């Protein structure tokens, strides 16, 4: 939970700093850029939380910050650093915002990629004592007049994998308001966001993981050998195959009762991925009509299997390689 909250805070802070770099770079190019940057950070209450080593900017081109450090408002001892942050696009006009920025070399206050914290106690088990720093790109749109937003996030973690997430939302007004007026409270108490999520609707959501080294380690651990150079015996291989075959068989029986359509494709896709026979796994939902988030949560908390299956059916869930 702490690792995911740290990553969420990181992404949110990146949006503010990217905006500062863009407005500063494009308005002043290389003259008086610090003044514009600082003014924007003051407007967003982050003037005491952001420092950088240098800035490159042109009026017609991108704006780039180097050696960025962002400290947490609620805990100044916690921070993350970015080797470079490049803003390709940021437009704001009467409640409509388009953004596109890219970062390289992101680390948390331990000097490691935030992915190491997300793996938690599993990191050592999987043979990770450190990871290369995190790279990524985030682009999207927020339209307050249409009460809608799109987010496209691409995280690239060497030695683990690439995670791509797409989200299309509507009825975002309360969420936007909460993020602007309750930012400090939300850092320490994410549950305070529940009220703002009550009206939120999901139009589309997908997540794709492209393996870059994680799954071979997972397979070896599941086979009972060392994650990097372990060599399973024939008996261990057979036991591993038998467990996954049973899991796939159970999935084929249980998935339809849980509201998952096309169970065979879903179950076989997960099985191939877990055996490292496929290096990609995509999970997507395309509800029609759009799904109200809190209504879905309430339906799945009822404890009634039929109600849960009905709620899942609304998602139009698909799993594939």
C-alpha atoms as a PDB file:
ATOM      1  CA  UNK A   1       0.000   0.000   0.000  1.00  0.00           C
ATOM      2  CA  UNK A   2       2.775   2.419   0.954  1.00  0.00           C
ATOM      3  CA  UNK A   3       4.654   1.671  -2.263  1.00  0.00           C
ATOM      4  CA  UNK A   4       1.596   2.269  -4.446  1.00  0.00           C
ATOM      5  CA  UNK A   5       0.771   5.507  -2.578  1.00  0.00           C
ATOM      6  CA  UNK A   6       4.347   6.684  -3.118  1.00  0.00           C
ATOM      7  CA  UNK A   7       4.093   5.996  -6.855  1.00  0.00           C
ATOM      8  CA  UNK A   8       0.704   7.749  -7.055  1.00  0.00           C
ATOM      9  CA  UNK A   9       2.129  10.821  -5.306  1.00  0.00           C
ATOM     10  CA  UNK A  10       5.115  10.731  -7.660  1.00  0.00           C
ATOM     11  CA  UNK A  11       2.881  10.806 -10.755  1.00  0.00           C
ATOM     12  CA  UNK A  12       0.755  13.644  -9.349  1.00  0.00           C
ATOM     13  CA  UNK A  13       3.772  15.774  -8.493  1.00  0.00           C
ATOM     14  CA  UNK A  14       5.284  15.144 -11.918  1.00  0.00           C
ATOM     15  CA  UNK A  15       2.238  16.738 -13.558  1.00  0.00           C
ATOM     16  CA  UNK A  16       2.763  19.983 -11.606  1.00  0.00           C
ATOM     17  CA  UNK A  17       6.503  20.133 -12.235  1.00  0.00           C
ATOM     18  CA  UNK A  18       6.060  19.313 -15.932  1.00  0.00           C
ATOM     19  CA  UNK A  19       3.548  22.137 -16.229  1.00  0.00           C
ATOM     20  CA  UNK A  20       5.997  24.510 -14.569  1.00  0.00           C
ATOM     21  CA  UNK A  21       8.757  23.525 -16.982  1.00  0.00           C
ATOM     22  CA  UNK A  22       6.494  23.947 -19.997  1.00  0.00           C
ATOM     23  CA  UNK A  23       5.071  27.333 -19.090  1.00  0.00           C
ATOM     24  CA  UNK A  24       8.464  28.592 -17.981  1.00  0.00           C
ATOM     25  CA  UNK A  25      10.284  27.294 -21.032  1.00  0.00           C
ATOM     26  CA  UNK A  26       7.832  28.439 -23.660  1.00  0.00           C
ATOM     27  CA  UNK A  27       7.127  31.844 -22.210  1.00  0.00           C
ATOM     28  CA  UNK A  28      10.670  32.990 -21.590  1.00  0.00           C
ATOM     29  CA  UNK A  29      12.844  30.507 -23.467  1.00  0.00           C
ATOM     30  CA  UNK A  30      16.215  30.807 -21.707  1.00  0.00           C
ATOM     31  CA  UNK A  31      15.666  34.251 -20.196  1.00  0.00           C
ATOM     32  CA  UNK A  32      13.951  34.825 -16.863  1.00  0.00           C
ATOM     33  CA  UNK A  33      12.741  31.222 -16.893  1.00  0.00           C
ATOM     34  CA  UNK A  34      13.396  30.741 -13.166  1.00  0.00           C
ATOM     35  CA  UNK A  35      10.973  33.554 -12.357  1.00  0.00           C
ATOM     36  CA  UNK A  36       8.150  31.959 -14.323  1.00  0.00           C
ATOM     37  CA  UNK A  37       8.851  28.492 -12.946  1.00  0.00           C
ATOM     38  CA  UNK A  38       8.853  29.687  -9.364  1.00  0.00           C
ATOM     39  CA  UNK A  39       5.628  31.634  -9.874  1.00  0.00           C
ATOM     40  CA  UNK A  40       3.879  28.540 -11.179  1.00  0.00           C
ATOM     41  CA  UNK A  41       5.160  26.430  -8.285  1.00  0.00           C
ATOM     42  CA  UNK A  42       3.947  29.055  -5.798  1.00  0.00           C
ATOM     43  CA  UNK A  43       0.514  28.924  -7.436  1.00  0.00           C
ATOM     44  CA  UNK A  44       0.450  25.164  -6.823  1.00  0.00           C
ATOM     45  CA  UNK A  45       1.912  25.366  -3.314  1.00  0.00           C
ATOM     46  CA  UNK A  46       5.109  23.499  -4.207  1.00  0.00           C
ATOM     47  CA  UNK A  47       7.669  26.307  -4.091  1.00  0.00           C
ATOM     48  CA  UNK A  48       9.421  24.733  -1.079  1.00  0.00           C
ATOM     49  CA  UNK A  49       9.299  21.224  -2.454  1.00  0.00           C
ATOM     50  CA  UNK A  50      10.958  21.400  -5.890  1.00  0.00           C
ATOM     51  CA  UNK A  51      14.548  22.089  -6.938  1.00  0.00           C
ATOM     52  CA  UNK A  52      16.452  21.442 -10.173  1.00  0.00           C
ATOM     53  CA  UNK A  53      19.976  21.714 -11.479  1.00  0.00           C
ATOM     54  CA  UNK A  54      19.450  23.158 -14.961  1.00  0.00           C
ATOM     55  CA  UNK A  55      16.820  23.864 -17.591  1.00  0.00           C
ATOM     56  CA  UNK A  56      16.841  23.768 -21.391  1.00  0.00           C
ATOM     57  CA  UNK A  57      14.052  25.492 -23.285  1.00  0.00           C
ATOM     58  CA  UNK A  58      13.151  27.081 -26.598  1.00  0.00           C
ATOM     59  CA  UNK A  59      10.069  29.066 -27.517  1.00  0.00           C
ATOM     60  CA  UNK A  60       9.055  26.610 -30.253  1.00  0.00           C
ATOM     61  CA  UNK A  61      10.491  23.420 -28.786  1.00  0.00           C
ATOM     62  CA  UNK A  62      10.327  21.265 -25.687  1.00  0.00           C
ATOM     63  CA  UNK A  63      11.217  22.289 -22.167  1.00  0.00           C
ATOM     64  CA  UNK A  64      13.520  20.040 -20.123  1.00  0.00           C
ATOM     65  CA  UNK A  65      14.481  20.089 -16.462  1.00  0.00           C
ATOM     66  CA  UNK A  66      17.555  18.197 -15.262  1.00  0.00           C
ATOM     67  CA  UNK A  67      18.451  16.838 -11.811  1.00  0.00           C
ATOM     68  CA  UNK A  68      15.012  17.482 -10.349  1.00  0.00           C
ATOM     69  CA  UNK A  69      14.271  16.827  -6.672  1.00  0.00           C
ATOM     70  CA  UNK A  70      10.730  16.835  -5.279  1.00  0.00           C
ATOM     71  CA  UNK A  71      10.115  16.491  -1.537  1.00  0.00           C
ATOM     72  CA  UNK A  72       6.824  15.501   0.058  1.00  0.00           C
ATOM     73  CA  UNK A  73       4.806  18.239   1.735  1.00  0.00           C
ATOM     74  CA  UNK A  74       3.686  16.000   4.587  1.00  0.00           C
ATOM     75  CA  UNK A  75       7.158  14.517   5.166  1.00  0.00           C
ATOM     76  CA  UNK A  76      10.149  16.575   3.919  1.00  0.00           C
ATOM     77  CA  UNK A  77      12.479  13.656   4.661  1.00  0.00           C
ATOM     78  CA  UNK A  78      10.800  11.727   1.851  1.00  0.00           C
ATOM     79  CA  UNK A  79      11.595  12.716  -1.721  1.00  0.00           C
ATOM     80  CA  UNK A  80      12.214  11.481  -5.228  1.00  0.00           C
ATOM     81  CA  UNK A  81      14.651  12.582  -7.910  1.00  0.00           C
ATOM     82  CA  UNK A  82      14.501  12.682 -11.712  1.00  0.00           C
ATOM     83  CA  UNK A  83      17.536  12.891 -13.970  1.00  0.00           C
ATOM     84  CA  UNK A  84      15.546  14.603 -16.719  1.00  0.00           C
ATOM     85  CA  UNK A  85      11.944  15.675 -17.264  1.00  0.00           C
ATOM     86  CA  UNK A  86      10.932  16.714 -20.790  1.00  0.00           C
ATOM     87  CA  UNK A  87       7.594  18.306 -21.609  1.00  0.00           C
ATOM     88  CA  UNK A  88       6.483  17.680 -25.185  1.00  0.00           C
ATOM     89  CA  UNK A  89       3.099  19.357 -24.868  1.00  0.00           C
ATOM     90  CA  UNK A  90       1.051  21.227 -22.323  1.00  0.00           C
ATOM     91  CA  UNK A  91      -1.941  23.364 -23.283  1.00  0.00           C
ATOM     92  CA  UNK A  92      -4.366  24.963 -20.852  1.00  0.00           C
ATOM     93  CA  UNK A  93      -7.356  26.989 -21.960  1.00  0.00           C
ATOM     94  CA  UNK A  94     -10.655  27.617 -20.162  1.00  0.00           C
ATOM     95  CA  UNK A  95     -10.822  24.326 -18.316  1.00  0.00           C
ATOM     96  CA  UNK A  96      -9.293  22.236 -21.116  1.00  0.00           C
ATOM     97  CA  UNK A  97      -5.841  20.737 -20.599  1.00  0.00           C
ATOM     98  CA  UNK A  98      -3.700  18.564 -22.866  1.00  0.00           C
ATOM     99  CA  UNK A  99      -0.368  17.276 -21.604  1.00  0.00           C
ATOM    100  CA  UNK A 100       2.457  15.011 -22.738  1.00  0.00           C
ATOM    101  CA  UNK A 101       5.671  14.641 -20.759  1.00  0.00           C
ATOM    102  CA  UNK A 102       8.485  12.149 -20.453  1.00  0.00           C
ATOM    103  CA  UNK A 103      10.866  11.389 -17.602  1.00  0.00           C
ATOM    104  CA  UNK A 104      14.097   9.431 -17.286  1.00  0.00           C
ATOM    105  CA  UNK A 105      15.978   8.221 -14.228  1.00  0.00           C
ATOM    106  CA  UNK A 106      13.302   8.471 -11.532  1.00  0.00           C
ATOM    107  CA  UNK A 107      14.326   7.302  -8.035  1.00  0.00           C
ATOM    108  CA  UNK A 108      12.771   7.420  -4.572  1.00  0.00           C
ATOM    109  CA  UNK A 109      14.554   8.599  -1.416  1.00  0.00           C
ATOM    110  CA  UNK A 110      16.405   5.272  -1.131  1.00  0.00           C
ATOM    111  CA  UNK A 111      18.052   5.945  -4.494  1.00  0.00           C
ATOM    112  CA  UNK A 112      16.184   3.040  -6.072  1.00  0.00           C
ATOM    113  CA  UNK A 113      13.398   2.790  -8.601  1.00  0.00           C
ATOM    114  CA  UNK A 114       9.928   3.026  -6.963  1.00  0.00           C
ATOM    115  CA  UNK A 115       9.265  -0.420  -8.449  1.00  0.00           C
ATOM    116  CA  UNK A 116      11.542  -1.928  -5.803  1.00  0.00           C
ATOM    117  CA  UNK A 117       9.211  -0.607  -3.080  1.00  0.00           C
ATOM    118  CA  UNK A 118       6.200  -1.968  -4.980  1.00  0.00           C
ATOM    119  CA  UNK A 119       7.760  -5.436  -5.010  1.00  0.00           C
ATOM    120  CA  UNK A 120       8.345  -5.139  -1.232  1.00  0.00           C
ATOM    121  CA  UNK A 121       9.407  -8.412   0.410  1.00  0.00           C
ATOM    122  CA  UNK A 122       9.116 -10.233  -2.926  1.00  0.00           C
ATOM    123  CA  UNK A 123      12.107  -8.305  -4.311  1.00  0.00           C
ATOM    124  CA  UNK A 124      14.661 -10.355  -2.376  1.00  0.00           C
ATOM    125  CA  UNK A 125      12.838 -13.591  -3.106  1.00  0.00           C
ATOM    126  CA  UNK A 126      12.992 -12.786  -6.816  1.00  0.00           C
ATOM    127  CA  UNK A 127      16.685 -11.884  -6.665  1.00  0.00           C
ATOM    128  CA  UNK A 128      16.335  -8.092  -6.936  1.00  0.00           C
ATOM    129  CA  UNK A 129      18.542  -6.130  -4.530  1.00  0.00           C
ATOM    130  CA  UNK A 130      18.407  -3.050  -6.752  1.00  0.00           C
ATOM    131  CA  UNK A 131      16.913  -1.967 -10.074  1.00  0.00           C
ATOM    132  CA  UNK A 132      17.820   0.498 -12.833  1.00  0.00           C
ATOM    133  CA  UNK A 133      15.986   3.786 -12.410  1.00  0.00           C
ATOM    134  CA  UNK A 134      12.477   4.174 -13.791  1.00  0.00           C
ATOM    135  CA  UNK A 135      11.668   5.807 -17.140  1.00  0.00           C
ATOM    136  CA  UNK A 136       8.245   6.671 -18.476  1.00  0.00           C
ATOM    137  CA  UNK A 137       5.839   8.894 -20.332  1.00  0.00           C
ATOM    138  CA  UNK A 138       2.446  10.321 -19.391  1.00  0.00           C
ATOM    139  CA  UNK A 139      -0.026  12.026 -21.684  1.00  0.00           C
ATOM    140  CA  UNK A 140      -3.686  12.821 -21.566  1.00  0.00           C
ATOM    141  CA  UNK A 141      -6.531  15.293 -21.510  1.00  0.00           C
ATOM    142  CA  UNK A 142      -8.725  16.904 -18.872  1.00  0.00           C
ATOM    143  CA  UNK A 143     -11.857  18.751 -20.012  1.00  0.00           C
ATOM    144  CA  UNK A 144     -13.723  20.380 -17.139  1.00  0.00           C
ATOM    145  CA  UNK A 145     -16.543  21.626 -19.392  1.00  0.00           C
ATOM    146  CA  UNK A 146     -17.222  18.112 -20.684  1.00  0.00           C
ATOM    147  CA  UNK A 147     -16.466  16.694 -17.219  1.00  0.00           C
ATOM    148  CA  UNK A 148     -14.131  14.095 -18.740  1.00  0.00           C
ATOM    149  CA  UNK A 149     -10.504  12.985 -18.700  1.00  0.00           C
ATOM    150  CA  UNK A 150      -8.155  10.572 -20.497  1.00  0.00           C
ATOM    151  CA  UNK A 151      -4.840   9.310 -19.116  1.00  0.00           C
ATOM    152  CA  UNK A 152      -2.193   7.264 -20.934  1.00  0.00           C
ATOM    153  CA  UNK A 153       0.700   6.181 -18.694  1.00  0.00           C
ATOM    154  CA  UNK A 154       3.713   4.172 -19.866  1.00  0.00           C
ATOM    155  CA  UNK A 155       6.263   3.009 -17.263  1.00  0.00           C
ATOM    156  CA  UNK A 156       9.492   1.343 -18.402  1.00  0.00           C
ATOM    157  CA  UNK A 157      11.376  -0.642 -15.787  1.00  0.00           C
ATOM    158  CA  UNK A 158      14.481  -2.421 -17.047  1.00  0.00           C
ATOM    159  CA  UNK A 159      14.955  -5.979 -15.723  1.00  0.00           C
ATOM    160  CA  UNK A 160      11.253  -6.139 -14.748  1.00  0.00           C
ATOM    161  CA  UNK A 161       8.922  -5.018 -17.534  1.00  0.00           C
ATOM    162  CA  UNK A 162       6.975  -2.238 -19.187  1.00  0.00           C
ATOM    163  CA  UNK A 163       3.566  -1.309 -17.807  1.00  0.00           C
ATOM    164  CA  UNK A 164       1.125   0.613 -20.005  1.00  0.00           C
ATOM    165  CA  UNK A 165      -2.174   1.894 -18.593  1.00  0.00           C
ATOM    166  CA  UNK A 166      -5.031   3.651 -20.369  1.00  0.00           C
ATOM    167  CA  UNK A 167      -7.987   5.249 -18.600  1.00  0.00           C
ATOM    168  CA  UNK A 168     -10.994   7.173 -19.945  1.00  0.00           C
ATOM    169  CA  UNK A 169     -13.296   8.777 -17.361  1.00  0.00           C
ATOM    170  CA  UNK A 170     -16.280  11.086 -17.028  1.00  0.00           C
ATOM    171  CA  UNK A 171     -18.005  12.899 -14.140  1.00  0.00           C
ATOM    172  CA  UNK A 172     -14.613  13.918 -12.784  1.00  0.00           C
ATOM    173  CA  UNK A 173     -15.616  17.266 -11.226  1.00  0.00           C
ATOM    174  CA  UNK A 174     -15.580  16.094  -7.597  1.00  0.00           C
ATOM    175  CA  UNK A 175     -12.284  14.275  -8.083  1.00  0.00           C
ATOM    176  CA  UNK A 176     -10.664  17.376  -9.603  1.00  0.00           C
ATOM    177  CA  UNK A 177     -11.983  19.517  -6.757  1.00  0.00           C
ATOM    178  CA  UNK A 178     -10.651  17.119  -4.116  1.00  0.00           C
ATOM    179  CA  UNK A 179      -7.212  16.966  -5.738  1.00  0.00           C
ATOM    180  CA  UNK A 180      -7.010  20.762  -5.644  1.00  0.00           C
ATOM    181  CA  UNK A 181      -8.413  21.425  -2.169  1.00  0.00           C
ATOM    182  CA  UNK A 182      -7.484  18.296  -0.190  1.00  0.00           C
ATOM    183  CA  UNK A 183      -4.052  17.415  -1.560  1.00  0.00           C
ATOM    184  CA  UNK A 184      -2.279  17.333   1.812  1.00  0.00           C
ATOM    185  CA  UNK A 185      -5.061  15.343   3.499  1.00  0.00           C
ATOM    186  CA  UNK A 186      -5.105  12.804   0.667  1.00  0.00           C
ATOM    187  CA  UNK A 187      -1.379  12.132   1.035  1.00  0.00           C
ATOM    188  CA  UNK A 188      -1.876  10.845   4.586  1.00  0.00           C
ATOM    189  CA  UNK A 189      -5.432   9.512   4.234  1.00  0.00           C
ATOM    190  CA  UNK A 190      -6.325   8.211   0.749  1.00  0.00           C
ATOM    191  CA  UNK A 191      -9.737   7.100   2.057  1.00  0.00           C
ATOM    192  CA  UNK A 192     -10.725  10.778   2.104  1.00  0.00           C
ATOM    193  CA  UNK A 193     -11.007  10.434  -1.667  1.00  0.00           C
ATOM    194  CA  UNK A 194     -13.969   8.044  -1.464  1.00  0.00           C
ATOM    195  CA  UNK A 195     -16.597  10.795  -1.573  1.00  0.00           C
ATOM    196  CA  UNK A 196     -15.016  12.339  -4.665  1.00  0.00           C
ATOM    197  CA  UNK A 197     -15.083   8.960  -6.405  1.00  0.00           C
ATOM    198  CA  UNK A 198     -18.805   8.402  -5.839  1.00  0.00           C
ATOM    199  CA  UNK A 199     -19.903   9.899  -9.176  1.00  0.00           C
ATOM    200  CA  UNK A 200     -16.874   8.887 -11.270  1.00  0.00           C
ATOM    201  CA  UNK A 201     -17.655   6.832 -14.390  1.00  0.00           C
ATOM    202  CA  UNK A 202     -15.269   4.523 -16.240  1.00  0.00           C
ATOM    203  CA  UNK A 203     -15.608   4.409 -20.038  1.00  0.00           C
ATOM    204  CA  UNK A 204     -12.483   2.419 -20.801  1.00  0.00           C
ATOM    205  CA  UNK A 205      -9.590   0.981 -18.837  1.00  0.00           C
ATOM    206  CA  UNK A 206      -6.733  -1.260 -19.872  1.00  0.00           C
ATOM    207  CA  UNK A 207      -3.412  -2.450 -18.526  1.00  0.00           C
ATOM    208  CA  UNK A 208      -0.691  -4.194 -20.523  1.00  0.00           C
ATOM    209  CA  UNK A 209       2.446  -5.687 -18.996  1.00  0.00           C
ATOM    210  CA  UNK A 210       5.320  -6.563 -21.339  1.00  0.00           C
ATOM    211  CA  UNK A 211       7.812  -8.714 -19.501  1.00  0.00           C
ATOM    212  CA  UNK A 212      11.469  -7.674 -19.479  1.00  0.00           C
ATOM    213  CA  UNK A 213      12.881 -10.132 -16.966  1.00  0.00           C
ATOM    214  CA  UNK A 214      10.346 -10.570 -14.163  1.00  0.00           C
ATOM    215  CA  UNK A 215       8.476 -13.689 -15.275  1.00  0.00           C
ATOM    216  CA  UNK A 216      11.490 -16.022 -15.756  1.00  0.00           C
ATOM    217  CA  UNK A 217      12.356 -15.272 -12.119  1.00  0.00           C
ATOM    218  CA  UNK A 218       8.772 -15.874 -10.996  1.00  0.00           C
ATOM    219  CA  UNK A 219       8.731 -19.222 -12.804  1.00  0.00           C
ATOM    220  CA  UNK A 220      11.987 -20.371 -11.187  1.00  0.00           C
ATOM    221  CA  UNK A 221      10.762 -19.393  -7.717  1.00  0.00           C
ATOM    222  CA  UNK A 222       7.516 -21.273  -8.337  1.00  0.00           C
ATOM    223  CA  UNK A 223       9.584 -24.280  -9.419  1.00  0.00           C
ATOM    224  CA  UNK A 224      11.430 -24.115  -6.101  1.00  0.00           C
ATOM    225  CA  UNK A 225      14.865 -23.012  -7.318  1.00  0.00           C
ATOM    226  CA  UNK A 226      16.975 -19.837  -7.234  1.00  0.00           C
ATOM    227  CA  UNK A 227      15.391 -17.020  -9.296  1.00  0.00           C
ATOM    228  CA  UNK A 228      18.352 -16.244 -11.568  1.00  0.00           C
ATOM    229  CA  UNK A 229      20.515 -19.314 -12.115  1.00  0.00           C
ATOM    230  CA  UNK A 230      18.435 -22.098 -10.555  1.00  0.00           C
ATOM    231  CA  UNK A 231      17.977 -25.340 -12.487  1.00  0.00           C
ATOM    232  CA  UNK A 232      14.820 -27.303 -11.612  1.00  0.00           C
ATOM    233  CA  UNK A 233      14.821 -31.072 -11.528  1.00  0.00           C
ATOM    234  CA  UNK A 234      12.480 -33.099 -13.705  1.00  0.00           C
ATOM    235  CA  UNK A 235      10.297 -33.698 -10.658  1.00  0.00           C
ATOM    236  CA  UNK A 236      10.101 -29.968  -9.920  1.00  0.00           C
ATOM    237  CA  UNK A 237       9.194 -29.227 -13.543  1.00  0.00           C
ATOM    238  CA  UNK A 238       6.415 -31.802 -13.508  1.00  0.00           C
ATOM    239  CA  UNK A 239       5.024 -30.494 -10.215  1.00  0.00           C
ATOM    240  CA  UNK A 240       5.045 -26.935 -11.571  1.00  0.00           C
ATOM    241  CA  UNK A 241       3.253 -27.962 -14.766  1.00  0.00           C
ATOM    242  CA  UNK A 242       0.671 -29.912 -12.760  1.00  0.00           C
ATOM    243  CA  UNK A 243      -0.089 -26.937 -10.500  1.00  0.00           C
ATOM    244  CA  UNK A 244      -0.587 -24.585 -13.435  1.00  0.00           C
ATOM    245  CA  UNK A 245      -2.711 -27.130 -15.287  1.00  0.00           C
ATOM    246  CA  UNK A 246      -4.977 -27.407 -12.243  1.00  0.00           C
ATOM    247  CA  UNK A 247      -5.142 -23.614 -11.900  1.00  0.00           C
ATOM    248  CA  UNK A 248      -6.148 -23.304 -15.559  1.00  0.00           C
ATOM    249  CA  UNK A 249      -8.762 -26.048 -15.165  1.00  0.00           C
ATOM    250  CA  UNK A 250     -10.205 -24.384 -12.048  1.00  0.00           C
ATOM    251  CA  UNK A 251     -10.277 -21.050 -13.877  1.00  0.00           C
ATOM    252  CA  UNK A 252     -12.252 -22.527 -16.782  1.00  0.00           C
ATOM    253  CA  UNK A 253     -14.873 -23.793 -14.325  1.00  0.00           C
ATOM    254  CA  UNK A 254     -15.060 -20.723 -12.081  1.00  0.00           C
ATOM    255  CA  UNK A 255     -14.706 -17.829 -14.548  1.00  0.00           C
ATOM    256  CA  UNK A 256     -18.184 -18.087 -16.153  1.00  0.00           C
ATOM    257  CA  UNK A 257     -19.830 -18.161 -12.713  1.00  0.00           C
ATOM    258  CA  UNK A 258     -17.898 -14.998 -11.832  1.00  0.00           C
ATOM    259  CA  UNK A 259     -19.277 -13.127 -14.827  1.00  0.00           C
ATOM    260  CA  UNK A 260     -16.210 -13.425 -17.060  1.00  0.00           C
ATOM    261  CA  UNK A 261     -17.107 -13.910 -20.719  1.00  0.00           C
ATOM    262  CA  UNK A 262     -14.828 -15.857 -23.067  1.00  0.00           C
ATOM    263  CA  UNK A 263     -13.357 -17.749 -20.118  1.00  0.00           C
ATOM    264  CA  UNK A 264     -11.170 -19.986 -22.283  1.00  0.00           C
ATOM    265  CA  UNK A 265      -9.206 -17.098 -23.785  1.00  0.00           C
ATOM    266  CA  UNK A 266      -8.844 -15.407 -20.396  1.00  0.00           C
ATOM    267  CA  UNK A 267      -7.720 -18.518 -18.515  1.00  0.00           C
ATOM    268  CA  UNK A 268      -5.320 -19.733 -21.205  1.00  0.00           C
ATOM    269  CA  UNK A 269      -3.801 -16.255 -21.568  1.00  0.00           C
ATOM    270  CA  UNK A 270      -3.056 -16.071 -17.841  1.00  0.00           C
ATOM    271  CA  UNK A 271      -1.668 -19.619 -17.867  1.00  0.00           C
ATOM    272  CA  UNK A 272       0.658 -18.912 -20.818  1.00  0.00           C
ATOM    273  CA  UNK A 273       1.914 -15.763 -19.118  1.00  0.00           C
ATOM    274  CA  UNK A 274       2.515 -17.507 -15.775  1.00  0.00           C
ATOM    275  CA  UNK A 275       4.482 -20.262 -17.554  1.00  0.00           C
ATOM    276  CA  UNK A 276       6.546 -17.626 -19.398  1.00  0.00           C
ATOM    277  CA  UNK A 277       5.249 -18.922 -22.726  1.00  0.00           C
ATOM    278  CA  UNK A 278       3.920 -15.430 -23.534  1.00  0.00           C
ATOM    279  CA  UNK A 279       5.712 -12.234 -22.582  1.00  0.00           C
ATOM    280  CA  UNK A 280       2.625  -9.992 -22.638  1.00  0.00           C
ATOM    281  CA  UNK A 281      -0.590  -9.897 -20.633  1.00  0.00           C
ATOM    282  CA  UNK A 282      -3.375  -7.392 -21.336  1.00  0.00           C
ATOM    283  CA  UNK A 283      -6.434  -6.855 -19.154  1.00  0.00           C
ATOM    284  CA  UNK A 284      -9.098  -4.452 -20.436  1.00  0.00           C
ATOM    285  CA  UNK A 285     -12.599  -3.345 -19.521  1.00  0.00           C
ATOM    286  CA  UNK A 286     -14.987  -1.545 -21.873  1.00  0.00           C
ATOM    287  CA  UNK A 287     -18.286  -1.209 -19.985  1.00  0.00           C
ATOM    288  CA  UNK A 288     -21.382  -0.327 -21.994  1.00  0.00           C
ATOM    289  CA  UNK A 289     -22.951   1.799 -20.632  1.00  0.00           C
ATOM    290  CA  UNK A 290     -20.074   3.475 -18.745  1.00  0.00           C
ATOM    291  CA  UNK A 291     -19.659   2.082 -15.254  1.00  0.00           C
ATOM    292  CA  UNK A 292     -20.180   4.194 -12.133  1.00  0.00           C
ATOM    293  CA  UNK A 293     -17.254   3.214  -9.937  1.00  0.00           C
ATOM    294  CA  UNK A 294     -18.900   3.280  -6.502  1.00  0.00           C
ATOM    295  CA  UNK A 295     -21.972   1.394  -7.742  1.00  0.00           C
ATOM    296  CA  UNK A 296     -19.666  -1.370  -8.935  1.00  0.00           C
ATOM    297  CA  UNK A 297     -17.816  -1.414  -5.602  1.00  0.00           C
ATOM    298  CA  UNK A 298     -21.076  -1.676  -3.668  1.00  0.00           C
ATOM    299  CA  UNK A 299     -22.324  -4.524  -5.870  1.00  0.00           C
ATOM    300  CA  UNK A 300     -19.144  -6.530  -5.365  1.00  0.00           C
ATOM    301  CA  UNK A 301     -19.256  -5.984  -1.586  1.00  0.00           C
ATOM    302  CA  UNK A 302     -22.733  -7.488  -1.203  1.00  0.00           C
ATOM    303  CA  UNK A 303     -21.320 -10.989  -0.803  1.00  0.00           C
ATOM    304  CA  UNK A 304     -23.930 -12.398  -3.181  1.00  0.00           C
ATOM    305  CA  UNK A 305     -22.284 -14.431  -5.952  1.00  0.00           C
ATOM    306  CA  UNK A 306     -25.028 -13.602  -8.450  1.00  0.00           C
ATOM    307  CA  UNK A 307     -24.668  -9.867  -7.729  1.00  0.00           C
ATOM    308  CA  UNK A 308     -20.890 -10.067  -8.117  1.00  0.00           C
ATOM    309  CA  UNK A 309     -21.201 -11.938 -11.423  1.00  0.00           C
ATOM    310  CA  UNK A 310     -23.679  -9.363 -12.712  1.00  0.00           C
ATOM    311  CA  UNK A 311     -21.330  -6.534 -11.732  1.00  0.00           C
ATOM    312  CA  UNK A 312     -18.370  -8.189 -13.470  1.00  0.00           C
ATOM    313  CA  UNK A 313     -20.435  -8.809 -16.623  1.00  0.00           C
ATOM    314  CA  UNK A 314     -20.954  -5.044 -16.936  1.00  0.00           C
ATOM    315  CA  UNK A 315     -17.196  -4.584 -17.264  1.00  0.00           C
ATOM    316  CA  UNK A 316     -16.947  -6.457 -20.569  1.00  0.00           C
ATOM    317  CA  UNK A 317     -13.667  -7.818 -19.232  1.00  0.00           C
ATOM    318  CA  UNK A 318     -11.097  -9.231 -21.650  1.00  0.00           C
ATOM    319  CA  UNK A 319      -7.778 -10.910 -20.911  1.00  0.00           C
ATOM    320  CA  UNK A 320      -5.327 -11.701 -23.693  1.00  0.00           C
ATOM    321  CA  UNK A 321      -1.672 -12.050 -24.654  1.00  0.00           C
END
